[in-house]
Amino acid sequence: MTTHRSIGAAAAAATAAALAVAFAGCAPVAERSIAVAPDQVAAIEFFEYPSTDVPDTVDRLTVRDPALITEWMRAFTDMPLRAYTPDEPDEFDGAQTQSSRLILTDGREIEITTIWIGPHDNVVLWPDATVWRTEWGSPRVVEAYADVAQIDQVSADELPVVVLPG
């Protein structure tokens, strides 16, 4: 015998399954962390600039305080990622770009770049040349750290090398 409860439960299960399939493309497929501990980082250089028509000079924000470095590194710890596929060839035109250069205590440098496509839709170019999407990040980082970090105008030649996908 079938009851209203079992029909309702079956309908709820079917709805949940349909939603799971519909939202599967939205769910993170991976989490990723940069393989560096905060105490291995001597300084972080950070740049914000447009992805196209980069000006000749840009602001470089430099963070050296260990507490701020630890806070900054949380952005690259267990970052939820989903597969990257370009939606349209010019989606990067003029998009805000943020590059972090981690200067390690042993002298090595690691660079990671985020390109803002839209709210909760950012493309991350990892140091190993893989490209992912994430909803993590914050716009206008330079403004947020302006009082606690050093800001210098530098040549755009100092920007991390970014190879745009597509």
Foldseek 3Di string as FASTA:
>chain_A
DDDPVNVVVVVVVVVVVVVCVVCVQVFFPFWAADPDALLQFQKKWKWKAQPPPGDFKTKIWMDGDSVVSNVVRVLRGRFGWGADDDPDDCLRGRFIKMKMWTQGPVGDIFIKMWTDSDQLWIWIQGRVRHITTGNDDDPPVCVVCVVPTDMDMDGPVPDDDDDDDD
